Amino acid sequence: MKLLDAILFSVALALTVVGIHQTMVNGIGFSYSLFMFAVGLLFWCQLRRNKARESIKSETKKPVNSKKPLKKR
C-alpha cells in the first residue's frame, strides 16, 4: 500500500467516525456530507488499487511466442 493510499483510507475512516458522532449528536442531516465525502475517498482509494493491480499484471505478462522456427547456426 502506497503512502497516499494509506492516507486516503485513514482520512475516510476518520470522517466515518466523525460522521457517526455527529449523527448521534445532531442527526443524519448534519453528518450526511461527511459520510458522502468518506465514501468518495473510499471509491478513489479502490480505483487507485485497481489501477495498480492492472499495471502490475501488464508488466508481468509473458512475451508472445512467434511461430517462426529458430534459425540454426
C-alpha atoms as a PDB file:
ATOM      1  CA  MET A   1       0.000   0.000   0.000  1.00  0.00           C
ATOM      2  CA  LYS A   2       1.419   3.344  -1.007  1.00  0.00           C
ATOM      3  CA  LEU A   3       1.535   6.313   1.334  1.00  0.00           C
ATOM      4  CA  LEU A   4      -1.232   8.192  -0.484  1.00  0.00           C
ATOM      5  CA  ASP A   5      -3.475   5.121  -0.339  1.00  0.00           C
ATOM      6  CA  ALA A   6      -2.889   4.808   3.403  1.00  0.00           C
ATOM      7  CA  ILE A   7      -3.642   8.495   3.911  1.00  0.00           C
ATOM      8  CA  LEU A   8      -6.850   8.310   1.846  1.00  0.00           C
ATOM      9  CA  PHE A   9      -8.044   5.268   3.756  1.00  0.00           C
ATOM     10  CA  SER A  10      -7.195   6.843   7.129  1.00  0.00           C
ATOM     11  CA  VAL A  11      -8.998  10.081   6.319  1.00  0.00           C
ATOM     12  CA  ALA A  12     -12.048   8.147   5.084  1.00  0.00           C
ATOM     13  CA  LEU A  13     -12.095   6.135   8.301  1.00  0.00           C
ATOM     14  CA  ALA A  14     -11.738   9.290  10.425  1.00  0.00           C
ATOM     15  CA  LEU A  15     -14.579  11.001   8.529  1.00  0.00           C
ATOM     16  CA  THR A  16     -16.769   7.960   9.105  1.00  0.00           C
ATOM     17  CA  VAL A  17     -16.099   8.055  12.851  1.00  0.00           C
ATOM     18  CA  VAL A  18     -16.769  11.806  12.999  1.00  0.00           C
ATOM     19  CA  GLY A  19     -19.915  11.292  10.916  1.00  0.00           C
ATOM     20  CA  ILE A  20     -21.188   8.668  13.340  1.00  0.00           C
ATOM     21  CA  HIS A  21     -20.547  11.007  16.255  1.00  0.00           C
ATOM     22  CA  GLN A  22     -22.315  13.902  14.516  1.00  0.00           C
ATOM     23  CA  THR A  23     -25.251  11.622  13.691  1.00  0.00           C
ATOM     24  CA  MET A  24     -25.688  10.747  17.354  1.00  0.00           C
ATOM     25  CA  VAL A  25     -25.389  14.386  18.442  1.00  0.00           C
ATOM     26  CA  ASN A  26     -27.145  16.370  15.696  1.00  0.00           C
ATOM     27  CA  GLY A  27     -28.848  13.878  13.410  1.00  0.00           C
ATOM     28  CA  ILE A  28     -28.191  12.469   9.970  1.00  0.00           C
ATOM     29  CA  GLY A  29     -28.900  15.734   8.158  1.00  0.00           C
ATOM     30  CA  PHE A  30     -25.824  17.406   9.620  1.00  0.00           C
ATOM     31  CA  SER A  31     -23.491  14.465   9.008  1.00  0.00           C
ATOM     32  CA  TYR A  32     -24.635  13.449   5.524  1.00  0.00           C
ATOM     33  CA  SER A  33     -21.856  15.412   3.801  1.00  0.00           C
ATOM     34  CA  LEU A  34     -19.221  13.758   5.999  1.00  0.00           C
ATOM     35  CA  PHE A  35     -20.454  10.306   5.005  1.00  0.00           C
ATOM     36  CA  MET A  36     -20.586  11.187   1.310  1.00  0.00           C
ATOM     37  CA  PHE A  37     -17.055  12.599   1.391  1.00  0.00           C
ATOM     38  CA  ALA A  38     -15.834   9.428   3.166  1.00  0.00           C
ATOM     39  CA  VAL A  39     -17.500   7.223   0.545  1.00  0.00           C
ATOM     40  CA  GLY A  40     -15.925   9.300  -2.227  1.00  0.00           C
ATOM     41  CA  LEU A  41     -12.482   8.838  -0.690  1.00  0.00           C
ATOM     42  CA  LEU A  42     -13.064   5.089  -0.400  1.00  0.00           C
ATOM     43  CA  PHE A  43     -14.043   4.907  -4.073  1.00  0.00           C
ATOM     44  CA  TRP A  44     -10.915   6.861  -5.015  1.00  0.00           C
ATOM     45  CA  CYS A  45      -8.752   4.547  -2.903  1.00  0.00           C
ATOM     46  CA  GLN A  46     -10.295   1.484  -4.555  1.00  0.00           C
ATOM     47  CA  LEU A  47      -9.762   2.985  -8.024  1.00  0.00           C
ATOM     48  CA  ARG A  48      -6.076   3.557  -7.251  1.00  0.00           C
ATOM     49  CA  ARG A  49      -5.702  -0.037  -6.024  1.00  0.00           C
ATOM     50  CA  ASN A  50      -7.323  -1.451  -9.159  1.00  0.00           C
ATOM     51  CA  LYS A  51      -5.090   0.640 -11.437  1.00  0.00           C
ATOM     52  CA  ALA A  52      -2.005  -0.520  -9.530  1.00  0.00           C
ATOM     53  CA  ARG A  53      -3.069  -4.169  -9.892  1.00  0.00           C
ATOM     54  CA  GLU A  54      -3.661  -3.751 -13.625  1.00  0.00           C
ATOM     55  CA  SER A  55      -0.253  -2.147 -14.141  1.00  0.00           C
ATOM     56  CA  ILE A  56       1.438  -4.993 -12.251  1.00  0.00           C
ATOM     57  CA  LYS A  57      -0.406  -7.581 -14.353  1.00  0.00           C
ATOM     58  CA  SER A  58       0.542  -5.862 -17.604  1.00  0.00           C
ATOM     59  CA  GLU A  59       4.218  -5.747 -16.593  1.00  0.00           C
ATOM     60  CA  THR A  60       4.352  -9.452 -15.748  1.00  0.00           C
ATOM     61  CA  LYS A  61       2.768 -10.732 -18.959  1.00  0.00           C
ATOM     62  CA  LYS A  62       4.913 -13.160 -20.910  1.00  0.00           C
ATOM     63  CA  PRO A  63       6.018 -12.205 -24.403  1.00  0.00           C
ATOM     64  CA  VAL A  64       4.144 -13.777 -27.270  1.00  0.00           C
ATOM     65  CA  ASN A  65       5.973 -16.659 -28.902  1.00  0.00           C
ATOM     66  CA  SER A  66       6.387 -16.310 -32.635  1.00  0.00           C
ATOM     67  CA  LYS A  67       5.507 -19.198 -34.920  1.00  0.00           C
ATOM     68  CA  LYS A  68       8.719 -18.834 -36.918  1.00  0.00           C
ATOM     69  CA  PRO A  69      11.215 -21.638 -36.402  1.00  0.00           C
ATOM     70  CA  LEU A  70      14.522 -20.801 -34.806  1.00  0.00           C
ATOM     71  CA  LYS A  71      17.479 -20.444 -37.136  1.00  0.00           C
ATOM     72  CA  LYS A  72      20.235 -22.975 -36.657  1.00  0.00           C
ATOM     73  CA  ARG A  73      23.785 -21.728 -36.760  1.00  0.00           C
END
